[in-house]
Amino acid sequence: MEFAELILTPKLDGVLLYDQLSERPVDGTLCITGHHLILSTRQEGAQELWLLHQNIDLVERKPHIVNNILEGGTIILKCKDLRIIALKILSPQEYFNISNSIEQLSNLEETKMLYPFFYIRMYDILEDGYGAYRPEQEYAKLLANGDEWRLTTVNSSYQVCPTYGSKLLVPRSITDDQIVQSAAFRDGGRFPVLAYRHTNGASMLRSSQPLAAPGVTKRCRADEAILNAVLGRSKKGFIFDTWGSKGKGGNTETDQHYSQWKKVTRPIGQFSSVSALLDSFQKLMEACNDVQCSSDKWLSRLEISGWLGYVLNALNAACVVAQCLDQEGSPVLVHGGKGFDTTLIVTSLVQIILNPDCRTIRGLQALIEREWLQGGYPFSTRHKHSCYTPAHQRRKSSSATFLLFLDCVYQLYAQFPCSFEYDHRLLIVIFEHSYFSQYGTFLCDSEHERVRLKVFTRTTSLWSHLNRPEVVKSLLNPLYEPNPAVIWPSVAPISIVLWSELYTRWSVDQSQLKITFGRIQALVSREKDLRSRALKLRRQLADLQRQHKHSENGNNADRLHSATADMYDPGDDGDEESLSSDPIGSSK
């Protein structure tokens, strides 16, 4: 298939562009390419529109009919970055051509046709993001400090678990045969692997739930061996279920075979499928986009959406797991369903709470790489559709799990604004690129698929772009002060806030917020300059004091030398007279 076959009208003049915040439309020329929708205009003060087709979530048509005659119409584009754009086209034929082209180009099924495979970067790569966070590098300290863990390549061909990476960290005492047996016991082959090891030695593992199907054994000694291997000196461990077991003795570990492990259920939501999260997100955005409703009605719609409830539950579950690791010093296994969604949310948040490295820009990238990308989160499947596609038109596998994680990180940042090297801008950038991007980082559903499609060699990494000095500078939190301590967030309902910088940025004017943020940056920059000047002045003062002291010491030494010379110099006439007049001398 060629893109030219899908582009029926490549260029059209006289198109009117409407967006949510503009008071008047922009008149310009619309161009359609294989990957972009471009609207250029000579209108003063208006910006050019560059919209990736992959960003478009839904295409709505509103034909303009007068006296039963079609006179063009309006194409409403609802985007995955939460923007809503309307294009008014006067020609009936062009109206149909353009709407059909956009709909087909925004729903390409073949991954190789997406923009990251065609994108040509215009800068030199200082660091290859694809190789920056490899498991052997990430776990180098852990592997070097003892013999408790090893890096296994049992999944190098992705046959043991198709959604896991090729290199995984497991207890050294566990053999590859035991790993294969445990994988057969767990849903999707996602056997327990190390996600994080706390400074006190307590380990956090993640996996899927045990299989619960007719004919499947209820016990796996190899799986029990993996969990018991991480107990160490601890007398007990905790198994956290983030999804909720189905029925008595459902897909969870049996008590008699895991006697040293206490089971705790902390479901993030009472839903039967991951699509329920997207349903909740859809209701949230319907409320955020309705700027005409009253405050009471808006708050009611916000509560009905249930989104902030999911945020609170996720943070609550992560805090409980973090307490077991930090305060109890006990190992924890986190699972839920297939181990993709709620599991990864909790294990990721636990690390941000406990590990200050995850509160840096590179630390967050490494966390997303370990837990979400190498951990097999199906980004392409989950992000095929977003909140604007009606439930009956989207796949049941679509979800907003990763967004929920980013929202929870935002809540932590909002409560501890000085403990994060990054701010909400980095979270928004990652949110957008996870849905549509010129970079290949979030392509496909697993490492296996990325290897098969040669993503690592044929596309550019998002991390390569973000880690460029000029880009990093724009994402830094001006209030950041490194905090090595654990951060314990409040999970009271009143402490959970709406992420307005993301959810209402296209419906509510954010200019005042940007001005305020600019003032904060200016004040912090001014403070840094003053600190630098004060430090420079202190150094100059210290130098002057040293010079003055040295000068005084030199003058004192000169005076002392002069006085000593006056007393003992035999060529001095005054001294001879005094000696001759000495009574003792005269007696001699």
Protein backbone atom coordinates (compact mmCIF):
# COMPACT_ATOMS: atom_id res chain seq x y z
CA MET A 1 0.00 0.00 0.00
CA GLU A 2 1.24 3.48 -0.90
CA PHE A 3 0.31 6.64 0.98
CA ALA A 4 -0.64 8.30 -2.31
CA GLU A 5 -3.52 5.82 -2.64
CA LEU A 6 -5.03 7.15 0.59
CA ILE A 7 -4.53 10.87 -0.10
CA LEU A 8 -7.40 11.90 -2.36
CA THR A 9 -6.85 15.65 -1.93
CA PRO A 10 -3.24 16.50 -1.07
CA LYS A 11 -3.80 20.27 -0.89
CA LEU A 12 -6.77 22.59 -0.40
CA ASP A 13 -7.01 26.37 0.03
CA GLY A 14 -9.62 28.24 2.03
CA VAL A 15 -9.90 25.81 4.96
CA LEU A 16 -11.06 27.30 8.27
CA LEU A 17 -9.45 25.93 11.44
CA TYR A 18 -11.26 26.20 14.80
CA ASP A 19 -9.80 25.17 18.15
CA GLN A 20 -11.12 25.30 21.70
CA LEU A 21 -9.33 28.45 22.90
CA SER A 22 -9.28 30.67 19.79
CA GLU A 23 -11.94 33.35 19.49
CA ARG A 24 -11.82 33.38 15.69
CA PRO A 25 -10.97 30.76 13.06
CA VAL A 26 -7.72 30.59 11.13
CA ASP A 27 -8.01 30.68 7.35
CA GLY A 28 -5.26 28.73 5.60
CA THR A 29 -4.09 26.07 3.20
CA LEU A 30 -4.49 22.45 4.23
CA CYS A 31 -1.87 19.91 3.15
CA ILE A 32 -2.06 16.15 3.72
CA THR A 33 1.11 14.04 3.69
CA GLY A 34 1.63 10.40 4.51
CA HIS A 35 2.03 11.14 8.22
CA HIS A 36 1.03 14.77 8.85
CA LEU A 37 -1.89 17.11 8.53
CA ILE A 38 -0.50 20.62 7.93
CA LEU A 39 -2.39 23.91 7.89
CA SER A 40 -0.32 26.94 6.93
CA THR A 41 -1.59 30.49 6.97
CA ARG A 42 -0.44 34.03 6.32
CA GLN A 43 -2.77 35.31 9.01
CA GLU A 44 -0.78 37.46 11.44
CA GLY A 45 -0.28 35.96 14.90
CA ALA A 46 -1.60 32.52 13.89
CA GLN A 47 0.61 29.47 14.27
CA GLU A 48 1.05 26.76 11.69
CA LEU A 49 -0.58 23.43 12.53
CA TRP A 50 1.45 20.22 12.26
CA LEU A 51 -0.61 17.25 13.37
CA LEU A 52 0.55 13.63 13.21
CA HIS A 53 -2.18 11.37 11.84
CA GLN A 54 -1.30 8.93 14.63
CA ASN A 55 -2.38 11.62 17.11
CA ILE A 56 -5.98 11.54 15.83
CA ASP A 57 -8.24 9.41 18.01
CA LEU A 58 -11.60 10.06 16.35
CA VAL A 59 -12.85 11.71 13.16
CA GLU A 60 -16.37 13.14 13.37
CA ARG A 61 -18.24 14.50 10.35
CA LYS A 62 -20.82 17.27 10.47
CA PRO A 63 -22.14 17.88 6.94
CA HIS A 64 -23.56 21.30 6.10
CA ILE A 65 -26.88 20.77 4.29
CA VAL A 66 -28.97 23.64 2.94
CA ASN A 67 -32.27 22.90 1.16
CA ASN A 68 -31.32 19.23 0.93
CA ILE A 69 -28.10 20.19 -0.84
CA LEU A 70 -24.73 19.34 0.66
CA GLU A 71 -22.54 22.44 0.91
CA GLY A 72 -19.42 21.01 2.44
CA GLY A 73 -19.15 20.41 6.14
CA THR A 74 -17.02 20.40 9.29
CA ILE A 75 -14.52 17.69 10.19
CA ILE A 76 -13.95 17.44 13.95
CA LEU A 77 -10.64 15.85 14.93
CA LYS A 78 -10.44 14.59 18.51
CA CYS A 79 -6.82 13.93 19.35
CA LYS A 80 -4.93 11.64 21.71
CA ASP A 81 -3.18 14.67 23.23
CA LEU A 82 -6.74 15.66 24.34
CA ARG A 83 -7.05 18.53 21.82
CA ILE A 84 -10.20 19.04 19.73
CA ILE A 85 -9.81 20.69 16.30
CA ALA A 86 -12.46 21.52 13.71
CA LEU A 87 -11.83 22.00 9.98
CA LYS A 88 -14.54 23.74 7.93
CA ILE A 89 -14.50 22.86 4.22
CA LEU A 90 -16.85 24.47 1.73
CA SER A 91 -16.56 21.99 -1.14
CA PRO A 92 -18.73 18.82 -0.79
CA GLN A 93 -16.32 16.60 -2.72
CA GLU A 94 -13.25 17.87 -0.87
CA TYR A 95 -15.11 17.47 2.43
CA PHE A 96 -15.59 13.75 1.73
CA ASN A 97 -12.10 13.28 0.27
CA ILE A 98 -10.29 14.87 3.19
CA SER A 99 -12.36 13.22 5.93
CA ASN A 100 -11.91 9.78 4.35
CA SER A 101 -8.16 10.31 3.90
CA ILE A 102 -7.66 11.43 7.49
CA GLU A 103 -9.67 8.52 8.86
CA GLN A 104 -7.66 5.94 6.92
CA LEU A 105 -4.26 7.52 7.59
CA SER A 106 -4.97 7.76 11.33
CA ASN A 107 -5.87 4.06 11.54
CA LEU A 108 -2.91 2.36 9.88
CA GLU A 109 -2.62 -1.21 11.15
CA GLU A 110 0.88 -1.99 9.93
CA THR A 111 3.51 -0.77 12.39
CA LYS A 112 6.17 -0.35 9.68
CA MET A 113 4.02 2.34 8.06
CA LEU A 114 4.14 4.61 11.13
CA TYR A 115 6.17 7.80 11.21
CA PRO A 116 9.10 6.65 13.43
CA PHE A 117 10.31 4.45 10.54
CA PHE A 118 10.34 7.48 8.21
CA TYR A 119 11.55 10.18 10.59
CA ILE A 120 14.96 11.70 9.77
CA ARG A 121 16.52 13.49 12.72
CA MET A 122 18.29 16.79 12.13
CA TYR A 123 20.75 16.52 15.02
CA ASP A 124 23.64 14.32 16.11
CA ILE A 125 22.97 11.69 18.76
CA LEU A 126 25.14 12.19 21.84
CA GLU A 127 23.90 9.02 23.51
CA ASP A 128 21.93 6.11 22.07
CA GLY A 129 18.82 5.86 24.22
CA TYR A 130 18.21 2.27 23.19
CA GLY A 131 21.45 1.16 24.85
CA ALA A 132 21.36 3.50 27.83
CA TYR A 133 19.36 1.31 30.21
CA ARG A 134 20.26 -2.29 29.48
CA PRO A 135 19.60 -4.78 32.31
CA GLU A 136 23.27 -5.68 32.75
CA GLN A 137 24.03 -1.98 33.28
CA GLU A 138 21.02 -1.23 35.46
CA TYR A 139 21.70 -4.16 37.78
CA ALA A 140 25.51 -3.98 37.64
CA LYS A 141 25.88 -2.91 41.29
CA LEU A 142 23.48 -5.58 42.50
CA LEU A 143 25.26 -8.30 40.55
CA ALA A 144 28.68 -7.13 41.77
CA ASN A 145 27.80 -6.79 45.46
CA GLY A 146 26.90 -10.39 46.18
CA ASP A 147 25.90 -13.79 44.92
CA GLU A 148 22.15 -13.61 45.65
CA TRP A 149 21.06 -12.73 42.12
CA ARG A 150 21.99 -13.60 38.56
CA LEU A 151 21.06 -12.42 35.08
CA THR A 152 19.38 -15.24 33.19
CA THR A 153 19.09 -15.53 29.40
CA VAL A 154 16.60 -18.40 29.53
CA ASN A 155 14.17 -16.12 27.67
CA SER A 156 16.67 -15.02 25.00
CA SER A 157 14.44 -16.46 22.25
CA TYR A 158 11.26 -15.15 23.96
CA GLN A 159 9.78 -18.66 24.11
CA VAL A 160 9.49 -18.98 27.90
CA CYS A 161 7.59 -15.68 28.16
CA PRO A 162 6.88 -13.74 24.94
CA THR A 163 6.18 -10.49 26.83
CA TYR A 164 9.30 -10.42 29.01
CA GLY A 165 12.70 -9.13 27.90
CA SER A 166 15.59 -11.37 26.92
CA LYS A 167 17.55 -10.77 30.14
CA LEU A 168 15.96 -11.05 33.58
CA LEU A 169 17.17 -10.98 37.17
CA VAL A 170 16.34 -14.07 39.27
CA PRO A 171 17.71 -15.65 42.48
CA ARG A 172 21.08 -17.31 41.87
CA SER A 173 19.94 -20.53 43.55
CA ILE A 174 17.14 -20.99 40.99
CA THR A 175 17.90 -22.98 37.84
CA ASP A 176 16.64 -22.23 34.35
CA ASP A 177 14.56 -25.44 34.46
CA GLN A 178 12.76 -24.16 37.54
CA ILE A 179 12.09 -20.86 35.75
CA VAL A 180 10.48 -22.72 32.84
CA GLN A 181 8.28 -24.68 35.26
CA SER A 182 7.24 -21.49 37.09
CA ALA A 183 6.42 -19.81 33.77
CA ALA A 184 4.06 -22.68 32.91
CA PHE A 185 2.30 -22.09 36.23
CA ARG A 186 1.77 -18.35 35.70
CA ASP A 187 -0.60 -16.55 33.33
CA GLY A 188 1.21 -15.69 30.09
CA GLY A 189 4.43 -17.22 31.39
CA ARG A 190 5.18 -14.14 33.50
CA PHE A 191 7.11 -15.84 36.32
CA PRO A 192 8.40 -13.86 39.36
CA VAL A 193 11.34 -11.56 38.48
CA LEU A 194 13.13 -8.89 40.49
CA ALA A 195 11.72 -5.39 40.08
CA TYR A 196 13.55 -3.58 42.89
CA ARG A 197 15.90 -4.26 45.79
CA HIS A 198 15.69 -1.78 48.65
CA THR A 199 18.72 -0.43 50.51
CA ASN A 200 17.92 -2.69 53.49
CA GLY A 201 18.06 -5.77 51.26
CA ALA A 202 14.30 -6.35 50.97
CA SER A 203 13.30 -7.37 47.44
CA MET A 204 10.20 -6.60 45.39
CA LEU A 205 9.24 -9.10 42.68
CA ARG A 206 6.47 -8.94 40.10
CA SER A 207 4.64 -11.57 38.11
CA SER A 208 1.23 -12.48 36.76
CA GLN A 209 -1.29 -14.46 38.80
CA PRO A 210 -1.26 -18.25 38.73
CA LEU A 211 -3.30 -19.82 35.95
CA ALA A 212 -6.84 -20.79 36.94
CA ALA A 213 -8.10 -23.11 34.25
CA PRO A 214 -9.50 -26.63 34.20
CA GLY A 215 -6.72 -29.21 34.19
CA VAL A 216 -4.06 -26.78 35.45
CA THR A 217 -2.26 -27.93 38.57
CA LYS A 218 -2.80 -25.87 41.69
CA ARG A 219 0.80 -26.28 42.81
CA CYS A 220 4.23 -25.56 41.36
CA ARG A 221 7.22 -26.42 43.53
CA ALA A 222 9.57 -24.45 41.27
CA ASP A 223 7.45 -21.34 41.74
CA GLU A 224 7.47 -21.87 45.51
CA ALA A 225 11.27 -22.23 45.38
CA ILE A 226 11.65 -18.86 43.63
CA LEU A 227 9.67 -17.07 46.31
CA ASN A 228 11.31 -18.90 49.21
CA ALA A 229 14.74 -18.07 47.78
CA VAL A 230 14.15 -14.35 48.38
CA LEU A 231 12.94 -14.74 51.96
CA GLY A 232 16.50 -14.77 53.29
CA ARG A 233 16.49 -14.02 57.01
CA SER A 234 12.94 -12.70 56.87
CA LYS A 235 10.40 -15.02 58.45
CA LYS A 236 7.62 -13.87 56.17
CA GLY A 237 6.90 -12.24 52.86
CA PHE A 238 3.85 -10.54 51.36
CA ILE A 239 1.94 -11.34 48.17
CA PHE A 240 0.04 -8.28 46.96
CA ASP A 241 -2.87 -8.78 44.62
CA THR A 242 -3.60 -5.51 42.78
CA TRP A 243 -6.48 -6.89 40.74
CA GLY A 244 -8.60 -8.97 43.11
CA SER A 245 -9.08 -12.72 43.10
CA LYS A 246 -12.05 -14.25 41.33
CA GLY A 247 -13.93 -16.57 43.63
CA LYS A 248 -12.73 -18.71 46.47
CA GLY A 249 -9.27 -20.07 45.78
CA GLY A 250 -9.31 -18.44 42.34
CA ASN A 251 -6.19 -17.46 40.48
CA THR A 252 -4.05 -16.88 43.53
CA GLU A 253 -1.46 -18.83 45.48
CA THR A 254 -2.75 -21.48 47.92
CA ASP A 255 -2.02 -20.82 51.59
CA GLN A 256 -0.71 -24.29 52.39
CA HIS A 257 2.00 -24.14 49.70
CA TYR A 258 3.05 -20.55 50.45
CA SER A 259 2.85 -20.77 54.23
CA GLN A 260 5.50 -18.09 54.82
CA TRP A 261 3.77 -15.59 52.57
CA LYS A 262 0.86 -13.46 53.70
CA LYS A 263 -1.62 -12.50 51.00
CA VAL A 264 -2.89 -8.93 50.86
CA THR A 265 -5.51 -7.69 48.39
CA ARG A 266 -5.28 -4.06 47.32
CA PRO A 267 -7.25 -3.74 44.07
CA ILE A 268 -6.83 -0.43 42.28
CA GLY A 269 -10.38 -0.65 40.97
CA GLN A 270 -13.38 -2.91 40.92
CA PHE A 271 -13.41 -3.62 37.21
CA SER A 272 -13.46 -6.77 35.14
CA SER A 273 -11.23 -5.53 32.30
CA VAL A 274 -8.58 -2.90 31.68
CA SER A 275 -10.93 -0.98 29.38
CA ALA A 276 -12.80 0.23 32.47
CA LEU A 277 -9.93 2.63 33.12
CA LEU A 278 -10.44 4.14 29.68
CA ASP A 279 -14.18 4.45 30.35
CA SER A 280 -13.35 6.41 33.49
CA PHE A 281 -10.88 8.60 31.60
CA GLN A 282 -13.50 9.26 28.94
CA LYS A 283 -15.96 10.56 31.58
CA LEU A 284 -13.21 12.70 33.09
CA MET A 285 -12.47 14.39 29.77
CA GLU A 286 -16.16 14.92 29.04
CA ALA A 287 -16.33 16.89 32.28
CA CYS A 288 -13.10 18.81 31.61
CA ASN A 289 -14.22 19.84 28.11
CA ASP A 290 -17.63 21.07 29.27
CA VAL A 291 -16.70 24.62 30.25
CA GLN A 292 -20.34 25.77 30.35
CA CYS A 293 -21.62 23.62 33.23
CA SER A 294 -21.91 24.93 36.80
CA SER A 295 -19.28 24.25 39.45
CA ASP A 296 -21.51 21.87 41.40
CA LYS A 297 -22.39 19.86 38.31
CA TRP A 298 -18.75 19.76 37.21
CA LEU A 299 -17.59 18.47 40.60
CA SER A 300 -20.34 15.86 40.50
CA ARG A 301 -19.26 14.69 37.04
CA LEU A 302 -15.65 14.60 38.20
CA GLU A 303 -16.61 12.33 41.09
CA ILE A 304 -18.80 10.12 38.91
CA SER A 305 -15.91 9.53 36.51
CA GLY A 306 -14.06 7.71 39.30
CA TRP A 307 -10.66 8.66 37.88
CA LEU A 308 -9.32 10.34 41.01
CA GLY A 309 -10.49 7.30 42.98
CA TYR A 310 -8.24 5.09 40.83
CA VAL A 311 -5.37 7.52 41.45
CA LEU A 312 -5.92 7.36 45.21
CA ASN A 313 -6.18 3.54 45.23
CA ALA A 314 -2.98 3.18 43.21
CA LEU A 315 -1.04 5.46 45.56
CA ASN A 316 -2.50 3.69 48.59
CA ALA A 317 -1.45 0.26 47.28
CA ALA A 318 2.05 1.52 46.47
CA CYS A 319 2.44 3.02 49.96
CA VAL A 320 1.48 -0.26 51.63
CA VAL A 321 4.00 -2.20 49.52
CA ALA A 322 6.67 0.44 50.21
CA GLN A 323 6.04 0.15 53.96
CA CYS A 324 6.51 -3.62 53.85
CA LEU A 325 9.86 -3.15 52.13
CA ASP A 326 11.15 -0.15 54.06
CA GLN A 327 9.73 -0.63 57.56
CA GLU A 328 9.14 -4.38 57.78
CA GLY A 329 12.19 -5.31 55.71
CA SER A 330 10.12 -8.09 54.15
CA PRO A 331 10.15 -9.26 50.52
CA VAL A 332 7.07 -8.58 48.42
CA LEU A 333 5.58 -10.20 45.31
CA VAL A 334 3.23 -7.89 43.40
CA HIS A 335 0.83 -9.29 40.83
CA GLY A 336 -2.60 -8.72 39.39
CA GLY A 337 -4.30 -10.36 36.43
CA LYS A 338 -1.82 -10.86 33.60
CA GLY A 339 0.80 -8.71 35.35
CA PHE A 340 0.70 -5.89 32.79
CA ASP A 341 -1.41 -3.07 34.14
CA THR A 342 -2.11 -2.60 37.84
CA THR A 343 1.02 -4.61 38.67
CA LEU A 344 3.33 -2.25 36.80
CA ILE A 345 1.63 0.83 38.23
CA VAL A 346 2.30 -0.32 41.81
CA THR A 347 5.86 -1.58 41.30
CA SER A 348 6.80 1.65 39.52
CA LEU A 349 5.29 3.94 42.16
CA VAL A 350 6.97 2.00 44.96
CA GLN A 351 10.35 2.73 43.40
CA ILE A 352 9.64 6.46 43.08
CA ILE A 353 8.59 6.57 46.74
CA LEU A 354 11.64 4.67 48.01
CA ASN A 355 14.38 5.40 45.48
CA PRO A 356 15.49 9.04 45.01
CA ASP A 357 17.19 8.11 41.70
CA CYS A 358 13.74 7.60 40.17
CA ARG A 359 12.95 11.24 40.90
CA THR A 360 15.59 12.38 38.40
CA ILE A 361 15.07 12.67 34.64
CA ARG A 362 17.36 9.78 33.77
CA GLY A 363 16.02 7.77 36.70
CA LEU A 364 12.45 8.08 35.43
CA GLN A 365 13.56 7.04 31.94
CA ALA A 366 15.35 3.99 33.39
CA LEU A 367 12.26 3.10 35.45
CA ILE A 368 9.95 3.26 32.42
CA GLU A 369 12.46 1.23 30.42
CA ARG A 370 12.76 -1.51 33.09
CA GLU A 371 9.18 -1.81 34.25
CA TRP A 372 7.09 -0.86 31.23
CA LEU A 373 9.13 -1.39 28.05
CA GLN A 374 11.29 -4.37 29.02
CA GLY A 375 8.45 -5.50 31.31
CA GLY A 376 6.24 -6.04 28.27
CA TYR A 377 3.50 -3.46 28.66
CA PRO A 378 1.56 -3.59 25.35
CA PHE A 379 1.74 0.09 24.40
CA SER A 380 0.49 -0.36 20.82
CA THR A 381 -2.54 -2.35 21.92
CA ARG A 382 -3.42 -0.21 24.92
CA HIS A 383 -2.90 3.09 23.06
CA LYS A 384 -4.58 2.21 19.79
CA HIS A 385 -7.57 4.21 20.99
CA SER A 386 -7.95 6.91 23.62
CA CYS A 387 -10.74 8.62 25.51
CA TYR A 388 -12.59 10.14 22.53
CA THR A 389 -13.31 6.89 20.72
CA PRO A 390 -16.74 5.56 21.84
CA ALA A 391 -16.62 2.33 23.82
CA HIS A 392 -18.46 0.35 21.13
CA GLN A 393 -15.90 1.40 18.48
CA ARG A 394 -12.69 0.64 20.34
CA ARG A 395 -10.98 -2.59 21.29
CA LYS A 396 -11.55 -3.96 24.78
CA SER A 397 -7.79 -4.18 25.16
CA SER A 398 -7.46 -0.38 24.99
CA SER A 399 -6.72 1.25 28.32
CA ALA A 400 -5.31 4.31 30.10
CA THR A 401 -3.07 2.40 32.52
CA PHE A 402 0.15 4.22 31.68
CA LEU A 403 -1.61 7.58 31.98
CA LEU A 404 -2.85 6.56 35.43
CA PHE A 405 0.76 5.88 36.43
CA LEU A 406 1.88 9.30 35.15
CA ASP A 407 -0.99 10.96 37.01
CA CYS A 408 0.16 9.25 40.23
CA VAL A 409 3.70 10.52 39.63
CA TYR A 410 2.21 13.99 39.20
CA GLN A 411 0.47 13.64 42.58
CA LEU A 412 3.83 12.78 44.20
CA TYR A 413 5.43 15.76 42.49
CA ALA A 414 2.58 18.03 43.63
CA GLN A 415 3.08 16.93 47.26
CA PHE A 416 6.89 17.04 47.11
CA PRO A 417 7.65 19.77 44.53
CA CYS A 418 11.30 20.16 45.60
CA SER A 419 12.18 16.44 45.53
CA PHE A 420 11.85 15.92 41.76
CA GLU A 421 14.44 16.98 39.20
CA TYR A 422 11.65 17.12 36.59
CA ASP A 423 8.19 18.67 36.71
CA HIS A 424 4.85 18.16 34.97
CA ARG A 425 6.30 19.13 31.58
CA LEU A 426 8.36 15.94 31.31
CA LEU A 427 5.35 13.84 32.32
CA ILE A 428 3.24 15.48 29.60
CA VAL A 429 5.97 14.93 26.99
CA ILE A 430 6.16 11.22 27.89
CA PHE A 431 2.35 10.95 27.86
CA GLU A 432 2.16 12.38 24.35
CA HIS A 433 5.00 10.30 22.90
CA SER A 434 3.50 7.10 24.34
CA TYR A 435 0.48 7.64 22.04
CA PHE A 436 2.06 9.26 18.97
CA SER A 437 5.66 10.07 18.18
CA GLN A 438 8.44 10.44 15.66
CA TYR A 439 10.51 8.21 17.95
CA GLY A 440 10.35 4.43 18.22
CA THR A 441 10.61 4.00 21.99
CA PHE A 442 6.93 3.21 22.59
CA LEU A 443 6.30 1.24 19.40
CA CYS A 444 4.97 -2.36 19.54
CA ASP A 445 3.76 -4.46 22.46
CA SER A 446 6.98 -6.09 23.63
CA GLU A 447 10.74 -6.27 23.25
CA HIS A 448 10.21 -9.36 21.08
CA GLU A 449 8.20 -7.35 18.54
CA ARG A 450 10.70 -4.48 18.58
CA VAL A 451 13.54 -6.86 17.82
CA ARG A 452 11.56 -8.51 15.02
CA LEU A 453 10.73 -5.15 13.41
CA LYS A 454 14.31 -3.83 13.97
CA VAL A 455 13.00 -0.84 15.92
CA PHE A 456 16.33 -0.41 17.71
CA THR A 457 18.24 0.12 14.48
CA ARG A 458 15.64 1.66 12.18
CA THR A 459 14.23 4.33 14.50
CA THR A 460 15.49 6.95 16.97
CA SER A 461 14.98 6.64 20.74
CA LEU A 462 12.96 9.25 22.60
CA TRP A 463 15.60 9.17 25.34
CA SER A 464 18.26 10.20 22.80
CA HIS A 465 16.20 13.30 22.13
CA LEU A 466 15.29 14.15 25.73
CA ASN A 467 18.86 13.78 27.00
CA ARG A 468 20.23 16.45 24.68
CA PRO A 469 21.45 19.36 26.87
CA GLU A 470 19.19 21.96 25.27
CA VAL A 471 16.12 19.71 25.73
CA VAL A 472 16.92 18.59 29.28
CA LYS A 473 17.27 22.23 30.30
CA SER A 474 13.65 22.91 29.31
CA LEU A 475 12.35 20.05 31.51
CA LEU A 476 14.20 20.80 34.76
CA ASN A 477 12.27 21.65 37.90
CA PRO A 478 13.54 25.06 39.08
CA LEU A 479 12.71 24.16 42.72
CA TYR A 480 14.64 20.90 42.77
CA GLU A 481 16.77 20.12 45.83
CA PRO A 482 18.08 16.52 45.95
CA ASN A 483 16.26 14.59 48.67
CA PRO A 484 17.79 11.20 49.57
CA ALA A 485 14.96 10.32 51.96
CA VAL A 486 11.87 8.21 51.37
CA ILE A 487 8.82 10.32 50.47
CA TRP A 488 5.52 9.24 52.03
CA PRO A 489 2.58 10.85 50.21
CA SER A 490 -0.75 11.65 51.78
CA VAL A 491 -3.48 9.38 50.41
CA ALA A 492 -6.34 11.32 51.95
CA PRO A 493 -8.97 12.17 49.30
CA ILE A 494 -8.43 15.89 49.89
CA SER A 495 -4.75 15.49 48.94
CA ILE A 496 -5.52 14.19 45.43
CA VAL A 497 -5.71 17.02 42.89
CA LEU A 498 -6.76 17.27 39.26
CA TRP A 499 -3.84 17.39 36.83
CA SER A 500 -5.10 20.58 35.22
CA GLU A 501 -1.87 21.22 33.27
CA LEU A 502 -2.78 18.15 31.19
CA TYR A 503 -6.54 17.61 31.32
CA THR A 504 -7.71 21.22 30.88
CA ARG A 505 -4.85 22.73 28.88
CA TRP A 506 -6.92 22.87 25.66
CA SER A 507 -10.20 23.97 27.25
CA VAL A 508 -9.03 26.47 29.91
CA ASP A 509 -6.58 29.27 29.20
CA GLN A 510 -3.23 28.33 30.77
CA SER A 511 -1.50 31.65 30.06
CA GLN A 512 -1.68 32.82 33.68
CA LEU A 513 -0.23 29.52 34.84
CA LYS A 514 2.63 29.90 32.36
CA ILE A 515 3.25 33.47 33.55
CA THR A 516 3.34 32.33 37.18
CA PHE A 517 5.68 29.47 36.32
CA GLY A 518 7.90 31.89 34.41
CA ARG A 519 8.07 34.16 37.44
CA ILE A 520 9.07 31.22 39.63
CA GLN A 521 11.81 30.32 37.17
CA ALA A 522 12.99 33.94 37.12
CA LEU A 523 13.05 34.13 40.93
CA VAL A 524 14.95 30.86 41.22
CA SER A 525 17.38 31.97 38.52
CA ARG A 526 17.82 35.30 40.33
CA GLU A 527 18.43 33.46 43.61
CA LYS A 528 21.07 31.25 41.96
CA ASP A 529 22.78 34.32 40.51
CA LEU A 530 22.77 36.02 43.91
CA ARG A 531 24.11 32.88 45.56
CA SER A 532 26.85 32.69 42.95
CA ARG A 533 27.72 36.35 43.47
CA ALA A 534 27.70 35.94 47.25
CA LEU A 535 29.98 32.92 46.97
CA LYS A 536 32.31 34.85 44.67
CA LEU A 537 32.38 37.80 47.08
CA ARG A 538 33.09 35.48 50.02
CA ARG A 539 36.02 34.00 48.14
CA GLN A 540 37.32 37.47 47.31
CA LEU A 541 36.95 38.49 50.96
CA ALA A 542 38.80 35.37 52.09
CA ASP A 543 41.59 36.12 49.61
CA LEU A 544 41.84 39.72 50.83
CA GLN A 545 41.91 38.59 54.44
CA ARG A 546 44.71 36.14 53.66
CA GLN A 547 46.63 38.85 51.81
CA HIS A 548 46.11 41.30 54.68
CA LYS A 549 47.23 38.73 57.24
CA HIS A 550 50.26 37.87 55.14
CA SER A 551 51.06 41.56 54.76
CA GLU A 552 50.73 42.17 58.53
CA ASN A 553 52.93 39.18 59.27
CA GLY A 554 55.49 40.52 56.81
CA ASN A 555 55.47 44.02 58.36
CA ASN A 556 55.75 42.59 61.88
CA ALA A 557 58.67 40.45 60.81
CA ASP A 558 60.40 43.46 59.26
CA ARG A 559 59.91 45.55 62.43
CA LEU A 560 61.15 42.71 64.62
CA HIS A 561 64.18 42.21 62.42
CA SER A 562 64.91 45.95 62.50
CA ALA A 563 64.61 46.12 66.29
CA THR A 564 66.86 43.11 66.73
CA ALA A 565 69.41 44.62 64.41
CA ASP A 566 69.40 47.87 66.38
CA MET A 567 70.09 46.04 69.65
CA TYR A 568 72.97 43.84 68.50
CA ASP A 569 74.63 45.73 65.65
CA PRO A 570 78.31 46.43 66.91
CA GLY A 571 78.79 49.20 64.41
CA ASP A 572 76.23 51.36 66.17
CA ASP A 573 77.88 54.33 68.08
CA GLY A 574 75.06 54.62 70.54
CA ASP A 575 75.53 51.00 71.60
CA GLU A 576 79.28 51.52 72.24
CA GLU A 577 78.61 54.55 74.45
CA SER A 578 76.09 52.70 76.48
CA LEU A 579 78.46 49.78 76.94
CA SER A 580 81.38 51.99 78.04
CA SER A 581 79.22 53.74 80.55
CA ASP A 582 78.09 50.46 82.03
CA PRO A 583 79.30 50.32 85.70
CA ILE A 584 80.30 46.72 85.33
CA GLY A 585 82.17 47.49 82.18
CA SER A 586 83.94 50.46 83.79
CA SER A 587 85.02 48.34 86.77
CA LYS A 588 86.72 46.00 84.36
